[in-house]
Amino acid sequence: MNKVFTFIVFIILFSTFRINAQVKILFDATKAETAGNADWVIDAKNYNLAYSSSTGLPYVSTGNTRQSNPVAIPSPSQSLITASDTETYWTGALSAWAVDCVKKGYYVETLPPVTGKITYGKSSNTQDLSKYNIFVVDEPNIKFDTAEANAIVNFVKNGGGLYIISDHANSDRNNDGWDSPMIWNDLFNNNTVQKNPFGIAIDSNSVSGTFSNILNSATDSLLHGPKGNVSKVMWSAGATMTLTPSANPTVKGVVFKTGTSGNTNVLCAYARYGKGKVVAMSDSSPFDDGTGNPNTTLYNGYFTDAAGNHQRLIMNATIWLATKQQGVPLEFINFTASLNKQNNTLLNWTVNQSGDDIDNFEVQFSGNGETFSSCSKVNLYNNEGTVNYYYTDNKIINYLNAGVVYYRIASYFKDGSVKYSKVVSVHPPKRSEMTVYPNPAKNKLMIHIDSFTQSASLIVLNTEGKVVYQQNMNECSGSLIIPVMNLSNGNYFIKLQKADGSNYTAAFIKN
């Protein structure tokens, strides 16, 4: 009898350890994820959830309201799932995704409506975010309050993985005046931990179509991960996203509506923040497996749309979120810029570095804070731990007119990847006024200055100080046009030196 009891205790303890040790994923259902024609849950057996016509908040009705009302633990037990089980093992439009997660060895739960609370670090909450590795929020339709927004941002900051899923503009399913793009953008900008922590914004638009605009990166974890290669997506009334690397230098788009890189028209993106990670997709349709609430019209976006690419993309992203960051070879601790008496820029950055993965640093500058060009390479010190680096820029500042000069540091790694510091700026003193437009310029650049009647030399220089265009003049009536169509895209400087020694300077971008 004692042996039997000991065996039972062992099984209980082993099962508890296994659940605690494995990756745990919490699917949110507190933000009206089942309102209207949505069913963004992993399992539900009851359809008695209703939403207040005045507030849009959920409540349990005594009748059949046709809306899924999931419980915290899906049933049958996930411990019984085998490789042959399908999405119909559970009843929810996200069941295919959840079953795939369990087959991967992960453990899934739902944060239920009405009773579920989004908290971080609250021990009394049995479903506090600190107990999970990944938090999934699929098309929220109820605004996060400040405490909830802070909990989510702190969850990521301290090592959690957040899966952000949005939908198109005007997709307010519970009629409370808030759609998912508005709700996500409010969380990004109105939490009190850090404004725009992930460098992501959901655009207020509606986009449909099949898009094969994939980032050209053979080693990208989302596009070429453990579940296979991704070549396209299909958006069915989704949205696009705009990224802001100056807010989060790690943010990166991997699927686009147009083009194959950049910070606009993004459909799928990811970023690191603190010790954690986020993945964002701006359409809920790819996650829909076509089965779930019998009262709701569902579509098979997970398996069928985009020829199965959605399943691979979603699972690759989930695995990336679940994979803990290894020892980080480089972390930017601080970066500052200031002007000395000669109006040269003094740059100082402090990093925590380890290992031999880093190749070198590059000082980069910009006239608009968006388009950066190389200023100079800086060799790596062979130290580990906290290391200070210094660089004096005595050339860029000489060519720029009044305004702001932006700097950032790029750390290049031996595997070809790059990590950026935050962006800092300095304000150089004003020089003689010279206006150039349009800026950026494509074919022609118009230069406007005060008229003069003496000889002058107009030169255009690239960021290395090489003259790429030169024109001698005897007088100027106030404006002139120079061709720039043959210049490569990037930052340039214009300097007009008059015979009396005075000069005009300005900067422009060619694209």
Protein backbone atom coordinates (compact mmCIF):
# COMPACT_ATOMS: atom_id res chain seq x y z
CA MET A 1 0.00 0.00 0.00
CA ASN A 2 2.81 2.37 0.84
CA LYS A 3 4.47 1.58 -2.50
CA VAL A 4 1.24 2.40 -4.34
CA PHE A 5 0.86 5.64 -2.42
CA THR A 6 4.47 6.58 -3.10
CA PHE A 7 3.98 5.89 -6.81
CA ILE A 8 0.86 8.07 -6.94
CA VAL A 9 2.66 10.92 -5.18
CA PHE A 10 5.54 10.55 -7.64
CA ILE A 11 3.17 10.76 -10.61
CA ILE A 12 1.49 13.87 -9.20
CA LEU A 13 4.80 15.57 -8.49
CA PHE A 14 6.21 14.56 -11.88
CA SER A 15 3.13 15.91 -13.67
CA THR A 16 3.30 19.18 -11.73
CA PHE A 17 7.00 19.56 -12.50
CA ARG A 18 6.38 18.85 -16.18
CA ILE A 19 3.68 21.54 -16.40
CA ASN A 20 5.84 24.06 -14.57
CA ALA A 21 8.92 23.22 -16.65
CA GLN A 22 7.32 23.30 -20.10
CA VAL A 23 6.39 26.38 -22.11
CA LYS A 24 3.02 27.70 -20.91
CA ILE A 25 0.81 29.75 -23.23
CA LEU A 26 -2.15 31.84 -22.06
CA PHE A 27 -4.80 32.75 -24.64
CA ASP A 28 -6.77 35.84 -23.65
CA ALA A 29 -10.59 35.77 -23.79
CA THR A 30 -11.34 38.80 -21.58
CA LYS A 31 -11.43 41.40 -24.37
CA ALA A 32 -14.54 40.36 -26.33
CA GLU A 33 -12.63 37.90 -28.53
CA THR A 34 -15.90 36.06 -29.21
CA ALA A 35 -18.09 39.08 -29.95
CA GLY A 36 -19.93 39.32 -33.25
CA ASN A 37 -18.72 36.82 -35.83
CA ALA A 38 -15.44 36.10 -34.02
CA ASP A 39 -14.50 32.99 -32.10
CA TRP A 40 -10.88 33.62 -31.17
CA VAL A 41 -10.68 30.97 -28.43
CA ILE A 42 -9.13 27.51 -28.19
CA ASP A 43 -12.10 25.69 -26.66
CA ALA A 44 -15.69 26.33 -25.53
CA LYS A 45 -18.57 24.05 -24.65
CA ASN A 46 -21.09 26.71 -23.60
CA TYR A 47 -22.51 29.51 -25.75
CA ASN A 48 -24.08 31.74 -23.12
CA LEU A 49 -21.81 34.78 -23.17
CA ALA A 50 -23.40 38.15 -23.90
CA TYR A 51 -22.08 41.68 -24.34
CA SER A 52 -23.74 44.72 -22.82
CA SER A 53 -25.37 46.96 -25.40
CA SER A 54 -24.31 50.03 -23.42
CA THR A 55 -20.75 49.16 -22.32
CA GLY A 56 -19.74 46.27 -24.58
CA LEU A 57 -18.57 44.31 -21.53
CA PRO A 58 -19.17 40.55 -21.28
CA TYR A 59 -21.56 38.82 -18.90
CA VAL A 60 -22.94 35.32 -18.56
CA SER A 61 -26.54 35.06 -19.72
CA THR A 62 -29.14 32.58 -18.54
CA GLY A 63 -29.99 31.73 -22.13
CA ASN A 64 -28.16 30.69 -25.26
CA THR A 65 -26.69 33.93 -26.60
CA ARG A 66 -24.75 32.16 -29.37
CA GLN A 67 -21.37 33.52 -28.17
CA SER A 68 -18.61 31.14 -26.96
CA ASN A 69 -17.89 31.19 -23.25
CA PRO A 70 -14.56 29.37 -22.76
CA VAL A 71 -13.22 28.10 -19.44
CA ALA A 72 -9.62 28.26 -18.26
CA ILE A 73 -8.65 24.64 -18.94
CA PRO A 74 -9.68 23.15 -22.29
CA SER A 75 -11.20 19.67 -22.37
CA PRO A 76 -10.64 16.82 -23.11
CA SER A 77 -7.27 16.93 -21.39
CA GLN A 78 -4.37 18.14 -23.49
CA SER A 79 -2.20 15.44 -21.96
CA LEU A 80 -4.09 12.93 -24.15
CA ILE A 81 -3.43 14.69 -27.46
CA THR A 82 -1.57 12.53 -29.99
CA ALA A 83 0.10 13.29 -33.31
CA SER A 84 -3.04 12.19 -35.18
CA ASP A 85 -5.48 14.48 -33.35
CA THR A 86 -6.97 17.39 -35.33
CA GLU A 87 -8.37 20.81 -34.45
CA THR A 88 -11.76 19.22 -33.68
CA TYR A 89 -10.23 17.79 -30.49
CA TRP A 90 -11.36 21.12 -29.03
CA THR A 91 -14.12 23.50 -30.12
CA GLY A 92 -12.78 26.94 -30.97
CA ALA A 93 -11.54 28.78 -34.04
CA LEU A 94 -8.03 28.78 -32.53
CA SER A 95 -8.09 25.10 -31.63
CA ALA A 96 -5.80 24.10 -34.53
CA TRP A 97 -3.13 26.50 -33.31
CA ALA A 98 -3.54 25.32 -29.72
CA VAL A 99 -3.39 21.64 -30.68
CA ASP A 100 -0.24 22.30 -32.70
CA CYS A 101 1.26 23.97 -29.61
CA VAL A 102 0.47 20.94 -27.47
CA LYS A 103 1.98 18.62 -30.08
CA LYS A 104 5.11 20.76 -29.85
CA GLY A 105 5.18 20.04 -26.10
CA TYR A 106 3.67 23.30 -24.89
CA TYR A 107 0.86 23.72 -22.35
CA VAL A 108 -2.14 25.96 -23.16
CA GLU A 109 -4.79 27.73 -21.08
CA THR A 110 -7.45 30.39 -21.56
CA LEU A 111 -7.87 33.56 -19.50
CA PRO A 112 -11.66 33.37 -19.30
CA PRO A 113 -14.10 36.26 -19.80
CA VAL A 114 -15.87 37.89 -16.84
CA THR A 115 -13.67 36.25 -14.16
CA GLY A 116 -10.24 36.45 -15.83
CA LYS A 117 -7.92 39.32 -14.88
CA ILE A 118 -4.80 40.57 -16.71
CA THR A 119 -2.15 41.15 -14.03
CA TYR A 120 1.59 40.81 -13.70
CA GLY A 121 3.25 40.07 -10.37
CA LYS A 122 0.01 39.56 -8.44
CA SER A 123 0.47 36.30 -6.54
CA SER A 124 -3.22 36.01 -5.63
CA ASN A 125 -4.14 35.66 -9.32
CA THR A 126 -3.75 31.99 -10.30
CA GLN A 127 -3.44 33.08 -13.93
CA ASP A 128 -1.05 35.97 -13.39
CA LEU A 129 1.08 36.59 -16.48
CA SER A 130 4.26 35.84 -14.50
CA LYS A 131 3.22 32.16 -14.57
CA TYR A 132 3.33 31.97 -18.39
CA ASN A 133 5.87 32.20 -21.18
CA ILE A 134 3.58 33.51 -23.94
CA PHE A 135 0.46 35.69 -23.82
CA VAL A 136 -1.75 35.61 -26.94
CA VAL A 137 -4.30 38.38 -27.56
CA ASP A 138 -6.22 37.83 -30.79
CA GLU A 139 -8.17 40.89 -31.93
CA PRO A 140 -9.14 42.56 -28.63
CA ASN A 141 -12.41 44.52 -28.73
CA ILE A 142 -12.33 45.96 -25.21
CA LYS A 143 -9.76 48.62 -24.32
CA PHE A 144 -7.00 47.67 -21.88
CA ASP A 145 -7.05 49.85 -18.78
CA THR A 146 -3.76 51.37 -17.60
CA ALA A 147 -3.05 48.62 -15.08
CA GLU A 148 -3.60 45.93 -17.73
CA ALA A 149 -1.45 47.75 -20.28
CA ASN A 150 1.34 48.11 -17.72
CA ALA A 151 1.05 44.42 -16.80
CA ILE A 152 1.46 43.38 -20.44
CA VAL A 153 4.43 45.68 -21.11
CA ASN A 154 6.15 44.59 -17.88
CA PHE A 155 5.47 40.95 -18.77
CA VAL A 156 7.44 41.40 -21.99
CA LYS A 157 10.11 43.58 -20.37
CA ASN A 158 10.85 40.82 -17.87
CA GLY A 159 11.14 38.01 -20.39
CA GLY A 160 7.64 37.16 -21.62
CA GLY A 161 6.52 36.63 -25.21
CA LEU A 162 3.54 38.62 -26.50
CA TYR A 163 1.61 37.63 -29.63
CA ILE A 164 -0.15 40.76 -30.94
CA ILE A 165 -3.01 40.10 -33.38
CA SER A 166 -5.09 42.90 -34.85
CA ASP A 167 -7.74 43.31 -37.52
CA HIS A 168 -8.90 46.02 -39.89
CA ALA A 169 -10.22 49.47 -39.00
CA ASN A 170 -13.91 49.66 -37.97
CA SER A 171 -13.89 46.06 -36.73
CA ASP A 172 -15.68 47.00 -33.51
CA ARG A 173 -17.49 43.70 -32.83
CA ASN A 174 -19.04 44.58 -29.45
CA ASN A 175 -20.06 48.13 -30.47
CA ASP A 176 -18.27 49.97 -27.67
CA GLY A 177 -16.52 52.41 -30.01
CA TRP A 178 -13.12 50.65 -29.93
CA ASP A 179 -11.71 48.40 -32.65
CA SER A 180 -8.53 46.34 -32.35
CA PRO A 181 -6.13 48.79 -34.10
CA MET A 182 -7.29 51.57 -31.76
CA ILE A 183 -6.96 49.28 -28.73
CA TRP A 184 -3.43 48.12 -29.55
CA ASN A 185 -2.23 51.63 -30.36
CA ASP A 186 -3.70 52.89 -27.10
CA LEU A 187 -1.77 50.22 -25.19
CA PHE A 188 1.45 51.11 -27.02
CA ASN A 189 1.16 54.83 -26.31
CA ASN A 190 -0.75 55.15 -23.04
CA ASN A 191 0.88 52.60 -20.77
CA THR A 192 3.05 54.25 -18.10
CA VAL A 193 6.03 51.86 -18.41
CA GLN A 194 7.38 53.13 -21.75
CA LYS A 195 5.73 54.86 -24.68
CA ASN A 196 5.82 52.85 -27.89
CA PRO A 197 8.00 50.13 -26.35
CA PHE A 198 7.86 47.79 -29.34
CA GLY A 199 8.15 50.36 -32.15
CA ILE A 200 4.90 49.12 -33.72
CA ALA A 201 1.69 50.93 -34.72
CA ILE A 202 -1.40 49.41 -36.36
CA ASP A 203 -2.62 51.47 -39.31
CA SER A 204 -6.29 52.46 -39.50
CA ASN A 205 -7.08 50.82 -42.84
CA SER A 206 -8.43 47.64 -44.43
CA VAL A 207 -6.30 45.41 -46.65
CA SER A 208 -7.20 42.25 -48.57
CA GLY A 209 -5.18 40.11 -50.93
CA THR A 210 -2.46 37.49 -51.22
CA PHE A 211 1.00 38.96 -50.73
CA SER A 212 4.35 37.34 -51.56
CA ASN A 213 6.46 40.30 -50.42
CA ILE A 214 8.78 38.49 -48.05
CA LEU A 215 11.94 39.82 -46.43
CA ASN A 216 15.01 38.47 -48.22
CA SER A 217 16.67 36.71 -45.29
CA ALA A 218 17.48 33.01 -45.49
CA THR A 219 18.06 32.79 -41.74
CA ASP A 220 15.01 34.65 -40.45
CA SER A 221 13.39 32.72 -37.59
CA LEU A 222 9.79 33.46 -38.61
CA LEU A 223 10.17 32.97 -42.35
CA HIS A 224 12.48 29.95 -42.23
CA GLY A 225 11.84 28.37 -38.86
CA PRO A 226 11.39 24.84 -37.54
CA LYS A 227 7.95 24.43 -39.15
CA GLY A 228 9.16 25.30 -42.65
CA ASN A 229 9.56 28.16 -45.09
CA VAL A 230 7.02 30.97 -45.55
CA SER A 231 6.51 32.43 -49.02
CA LYS A 232 3.21 34.34 -48.82
CA VAL A 233 0.22 35.36 -46.71
CA MET A 234 -3.42 36.09 -47.40
CA TRP A 235 -5.09 39.03 -45.65
CA SER A 236 -8.90 39.05 -45.60
CA ALA A 237 -9.80 42.56 -44.48
CA GLY A 238 -6.78 43.02 -42.24
CA ALA A 239 -4.60 46.10 -41.77
CA THR A 240 -1.01 47.20 -42.27
CA MET A 241 1.50 48.36 -39.68
CA THR A 242 4.06 51.15 -39.41
CA LEU A 243 7.32 50.54 -37.56
CA THR A 244 9.45 53.07 -35.69
CA PRO A 245 13.04 51.84 -35.27
CA SER A 246 13.93 55.04 -33.39
CA ALA A 247 11.55 53.86 -30.64
CA ASN A 248 12.75 50.23 -30.74
CA PRO A 249 15.85 49.56 -32.88
CA THR A 250 15.16 45.79 -32.93
CA VAL A 251 11.77 46.00 -34.64
CA LYS A 252 11.73 44.32 -38.04
CA GLY A 253 9.11 43.68 -40.68
CA VAL A 254 9.19 40.31 -42.45
CA VAL A 255 6.04 40.34 -44.62
CA PHE A 256 4.84 43.40 -46.54
CA LYS A 257 1.92 44.60 -48.62
CA THR A 258 4.39 46.25 -51.03
CA GLY A 259 8.15 45.93 -51.24
CA THR A 260 10.31 43.51 -49.29
CA SER A 261 11.75 45.79 -46.61
CA GLY A 262 11.11 49.07 -44.83
CA ASN A 263 8.94 50.41 -42.04
CA THR A 264 5.58 50.91 -43.79
CA ASN A 265 2.98 48.59 -45.33
CA VAL A 266 4.10 45.88 -42.90
CA LEU A 267 1.86 42.82 -42.37
CA CYS A 268 3.99 40.83 -39.93
CA ALA A 269 6.74 42.13 -37.64
CA TYR A 270 8.63 41.22 -34.52
CA ALA A 271 10.86 42.87 -31.94
CA ARG A 272 12.68 42.41 -28.68
CA TYR A 273 11.95 44.54 -25.64
CA GLY A 274 13.87 44.21 -22.40
CA LYS A 275 14.33 40.49 -21.83
CA GLY A 276 11.24 39.55 -23.86
CA LYS A 277 9.88 39.40 -27.38
CA VAL A 278 6.79 40.38 -29.37
CA VAL A 279 5.32 39.20 -32.67
CA ALA A 280 2.62 41.26 -34.41
CA MET A 281 0.28 40.28 -37.25
CA SER A 282 -2.38 42.69 -38.45
CA ASP A 283 -5.14 40.28 -39.52
CA SER A 284 -7.02 37.70 -37.45
CA SER A 285 -8.10 35.64 -40.48
CA PRO A 286 -4.87 33.56 -40.75
CA PHE A 287 -5.48 32.15 -37.25
CA ASP A 288 -9.05 30.97 -37.98
CA ASP A 289 -9.12 27.18 -38.48
CA GLY A 290 -12.69 27.09 -39.81
CA THR A 291 -14.16 25.10 -36.91
CA GLY A 292 -15.53 26.21 -33.56
CA ASN A 293 -18.73 27.88 -32.44
CA PRO A 294 -21.53 26.33 -34.53
CA ASN A 295 -23.41 29.65 -34.34
CA THR A 296 -20.58 31.56 -36.04
CA THR A 297 -19.46 31.62 -39.66
CA LEU A 298 -15.79 30.65 -39.70
CA TYR A 299 -13.20 30.23 -42.48
CA ASN A 300 -10.18 27.98 -42.75
CA GLY A 301 -7.39 30.54 -42.84
CA TYR A 302 -4.95 28.50 -40.75
CA PHE A 303 -4.61 25.52 -43.11
CA THR A 304 -6.13 26.50 -46.46
CA ASP A 305 -5.47 30.20 -47.18
CA ALA A 306 -2.06 30.99 -48.66
CA ALA A 307 -1.45 27.28 -49.37
CA GLY A 308 -0.66 26.39 -45.78
CA ASN A 309 1.85 29.20 -45.23
CA HIS A 310 -0.15 30.59 -42.30
CA GLN A 311 0.32 27.49 -40.17
CA ARG A 312 4.07 27.60 -40.76
CA LEU A 313 4.35 31.34 -40.07
CA ILE A 314 2.21 31.23 -36.92
CA MET A 315 4.00 28.24 -35.44
CA ASN A 316 7.46 29.55 -36.35
CA ALA A 317 6.54 32.78 -34.57
CA THR A 318 5.21 30.89 -31.54
CA ILE A 319 8.40 28.84 -31.29
CA TRP A 320 10.49 32.01 -31.59
CA LEU A 321 8.52 33.62 -28.76
CA ALA A 322 8.94 30.49 -26.64
CA THR A 323 12.69 30.24 -27.21
CA LYS A 324 14.54 32.01 -24.43
CA GLN A 325 17.24 34.44 -25.43
CA GLN A 326 20.70 33.00 -25.05
CA GLY A 327 23.52 35.00 -23.58
CA VAL A 328 23.30 38.36 -25.32
CA PRO A 329 26.73 39.16 -26.87
CA LEU A 330 26.03 42.90 -26.79
CA GLU A 331 23.75 45.24 -24.89
CA PHE A 332 23.74 49.03 -25.33
CA ILE A 333 23.69 50.61 -21.88
CA ASN A 334 24.03 54.28 -22.79
CA PHE A 335 24.63 56.54 -25.82
CA THR A 336 25.09 60.32 -25.76
CA ALA A 337 26.05 63.07 -28.22
CA SER A 338 27.23 66.62 -27.50
CA LEU A 339 29.04 69.51 -29.24
CA ASN A 340 32.47 70.75 -28.19
CA LYS A 341 33.81 74.32 -28.59
CA GLN A 342 34.79 73.61 -32.19
CA ASN A 343 31.25 72.40 -32.88
CA ASN A 344 32.45 68.86 -33.46
CA THR A 345 30.17 66.09 -32.24
CA LEU A 346 31.43 64.05 -29.29
CA LEU A 347 29.82 60.59 -29.25
CA ASN A 348 30.06 58.29 -26.25
CA TRP A 349 28.42 54.89 -25.93
CA THR A 350 28.66 52.24 -23.25
CA VAL A 351 27.99 48.56 -23.93
CA ASN A 352 28.01 45.28 -22.10
CA GLN A 353 29.82 42.91 -24.46
CA SER A 354 30.85 39.27 -24.29
CA GLY A 355 32.08 36.52 -26.60
CA ASP A 356 33.63 36.86 -30.03
CA ASP A 357 30.42 37.32 -32.07
CA ILE A 358 30.84 41.08 -32.59
CA ASP A 359 32.74 42.33 -35.64
CA ASN A 360 32.80 46.14 -35.31
CA PHE A 361 30.79 49.29 -34.68
CA GLU A 362 29.70 51.89 -37.20
CA VAL A 363 28.75 55.48 -36.42
CA GLN A 364 25.75 56.45 -38.57
CA PHE A 365 24.12 59.85 -39.06
CA SER A 366 20.94 61.28 -40.52
CA GLY A 367 19.40 64.63 -41.29
CA ASN A 368 15.84 63.45 -40.63
CA GLY A 369 16.14 60.67 -38.05
CA GLU A 370 14.88 58.05 -40.52
CA THR A 371 17.43 57.59 -43.34
CA PHE A 372 20.91 56.87 -41.95
CA SER A 373 24.31 56.78 -43.68
CA SER A 374 27.73 55.64 -42.55
CA CYS A 375 29.97 58.17 -40.85
CA SER A 376 32.87 55.98 -39.69
CA LYS A 377 33.82 52.46 -38.57
CA VAL A 378 35.02 52.00 -34.99
CA ASN A 379 37.10 48.95 -34.06
CA LEU A 380 36.03 46.67 -31.26
CA TYR A 381 37.94 46.62 -27.97
CA ASN A 382 38.89 43.08 -26.93
CA ASN A 383 37.39 43.54 -23.49
CA GLU A 384 34.43 41.78 -21.92
CA GLY A 385 31.90 43.30 -19.58
CA THR A 386 31.14 47.04 -19.51
CA VAL A 387 33.15 48.94 -22.14
CA ASN A 388 33.12 52.64 -23.10
CA TYR A 389 33.59 53.82 -26.68
CA TYR A 390 34.28 57.34 -27.95
CA TYR A 391 34.22 58.98 -31.37
CA THR A 392 34.58 62.61 -32.49
CA ASP A 393 32.79 63.59 -35.68
CA ASN A 394 34.53 66.62 -37.15
CA LYS A 395 33.31 66.39 -40.73
CA ILE A 396 29.55 65.76 -40.89
CA ILE A 397 28.73 68.74 -38.73
CA ASN A 398 30.64 71.06 -41.08
CA TYR A 399 28.32 70.36 -43.99
CA LEU A 400 24.97 70.54 -42.28
CA ASN A 401 22.84 73.63 -42.17
CA ALA A 402 20.82 74.75 -39.15
CA GLY A 403 18.59 72.07 -37.71
CA VAL A 404 19.21 68.71 -36.09
CA VAL A 405 21.79 66.01 -36.75
CA TYR A 406 20.81 62.49 -35.66
CA TYR A 407 23.25 59.72 -34.74
CA ARG A 408 23.03 56.02 -33.95
CA ILE A 409 25.55 53.22 -33.48
CA ALA A 410 25.30 50.01 -35.51
CA SER A 411 26.92 46.91 -34.05
CA TYR A 412 27.76 44.39 -36.77
CA PHE A 413 28.03 40.72 -35.89
CA LYS A 414 30.08 38.07 -37.65
CA ASP A 415 26.94 36.20 -38.74
CA GLY A 416 25.86 39.26 -40.77
CA SER A 417 23.22 40.50 -38.32
CA VAL A 418 23.18 44.02 -36.89
CA LYS A 419 21.94 45.64 -33.68
CA TYR A 420 21.29 49.38 -33.35
CA SER A 421 21.57 51.75 -30.43
CA LYS A 422 18.92 54.31 -29.68
CA VAL A 423 18.95 57.50 -31.77
CA VAL A 424 20.44 60.69 -30.28
CA SER A 425 20.72 64.18 -31.74
CA VAL A 426 22.64 67.46 -31.59
CA HIS A 427 21.71 70.95 -32.73
CA PRO A 428 24.54 72.58 -34.71
CA PRO A 429 24.80 76.38 -34.80
CA LYS A 430 23.11 78.16 -37.67
CA ARG A 431 25.09 79.01 -40.77
CA SER A 432 24.15 81.17 -43.76
CA GLU A 433 20.69 80.22 -44.93
CA MET A 434 20.31 78.07 -48.02
CA THR A 435 17.07 76.24 -48.81
CA VAL A 436 16.98 73.04 -50.86
CA TYR A 437 13.84 71.31 -52.08
CA PRO A 438 12.30 68.89 -52.70
CA ASN A 439 14.05 66.99 -49.92
CA PRO A 440 14.30 64.04 -50.43
CA ALA A 441 14.96 64.67 -54.14
CA LYS A 442 14.62 62.25 -57.05
CA ASN A 443 15.65 63.89 -60.33
CA LYS A 444 16.22 67.60 -59.71
CA LEU A 445 17.12 69.68 -56.69
CA MET A 446 16.21 73.37 -56.45
CA ILE A 447 18.52 75.59 -54.39
CA HIS A 448 17.35 78.96 -53.10
CA ILE A 449 19.74 81.51 -51.62
CA ASP A 450 20.07 85.28 -51.47
CA SER A 451 21.11 86.70 -54.84
CA PHE A 452 24.76 87.73 -55.27
CA THR A 453 26.99 89.14 -58.05
CA GLN A 454 30.35 87.51 -57.42
CA SER A 455 31.99 84.25 -58.47
CA ALA A 456 31.22 81.14 -56.43
CA SER A 457 31.79 77.41 -56.47
CA LEU A 458 28.93 74.96 -55.84
CA ILE A 459 29.91 71.41 -54.88
CA VAL A 460 27.95 68.35 -53.81
CA LEU A 461 29.71 65.83 -51.57
CA ASN A 462 28.81 62.34 -50.44
CA THR A 463 29.17 61.18 -46.84
CA GLU A 464 32.82 60.24 -47.43
CA GLY A 465 33.66 63.80 -48.44
CA LYS A 466 34.06 62.96 -52.15
CA VAL A 467 32.90 65.59 -54.65
CA VAL A 468 30.18 64.07 -56.86
CA TYR A 469 29.04 67.27 -58.60
CA GLN A 470 30.64 70.68 -59.11
CA GLN A 471 29.54 73.90 -60.81
CA ASN A 472 31.25 77.29 -61.03
CA MET A 473 29.08 80.42 -61.11
CA ASN A 474 29.61 84.15 -61.58
CA GLU A 475 26.31 85.25 -60.11
CA CYS A 476 23.04 83.91 -58.77
CA SER A 477 19.58 85.42 -59.10
CA GLY A 478 18.21 83.66 -56.03
CA SER A 479 17.60 80.09 -57.16
CA LEU A 480 19.10 77.43 -59.39
CA ILE A 481 18.43 73.81 -60.29
CA ILE A 482 20.98 71.01 -60.38
CA PRO A 483 20.44 67.44 -61.66
CA VAL A 484 20.65 64.60 -59.12
CA MET A 485 19.12 61.68 -61.05
CA ASN A 486 22.53 60.02 -61.51
CA LEU A 487 23.40 60.07 -57.81
CA SER A 488 23.04 56.93 -55.71
CA ASN A 489 20.37 56.98 -53.02
CA GLY A 490 21.57 58.34 -49.69
CA ASN A 491 22.64 61.48 -47.81
CA TYR A 492 24.55 64.33 -49.49
CA PHE A 493 25.88 67.78 -48.63
CA ILE A 494 25.86 71.00 -50.67
CA LYS A 495 28.42 73.72 -50.12
CA LEU A 496 28.42 77.03 -51.99
CA GLN A 497 31.67 78.93 -51.40
CA LYS A 498 31.63 82.60 -52.46
CA ALA A 499 34.71 84.58 -53.50
CA ASP A 500 34.50 86.77 -50.41
CA GLY A 501 34.94 83.73 -48.18
CA SER A 502 31.34 83.42 -47.02
CA ASN A 503 29.54 80.18 -47.65
CA TYR A 504 26.23 78.43 -47.59
CA THR A 505 25.76 74.79 -46.55
CA ALA A 506 22.86 72.37 -46.56
CA ALA A 507 22.11 68.66 -46.61
CA PHE A 508 19.67 66.65 -48.72
CA ILE A 509 18.62 63.06 -49.32
CA LYS A 510 18.49 61.42 -52.75
CA ASN A 511 16.00 58.59 -53.16
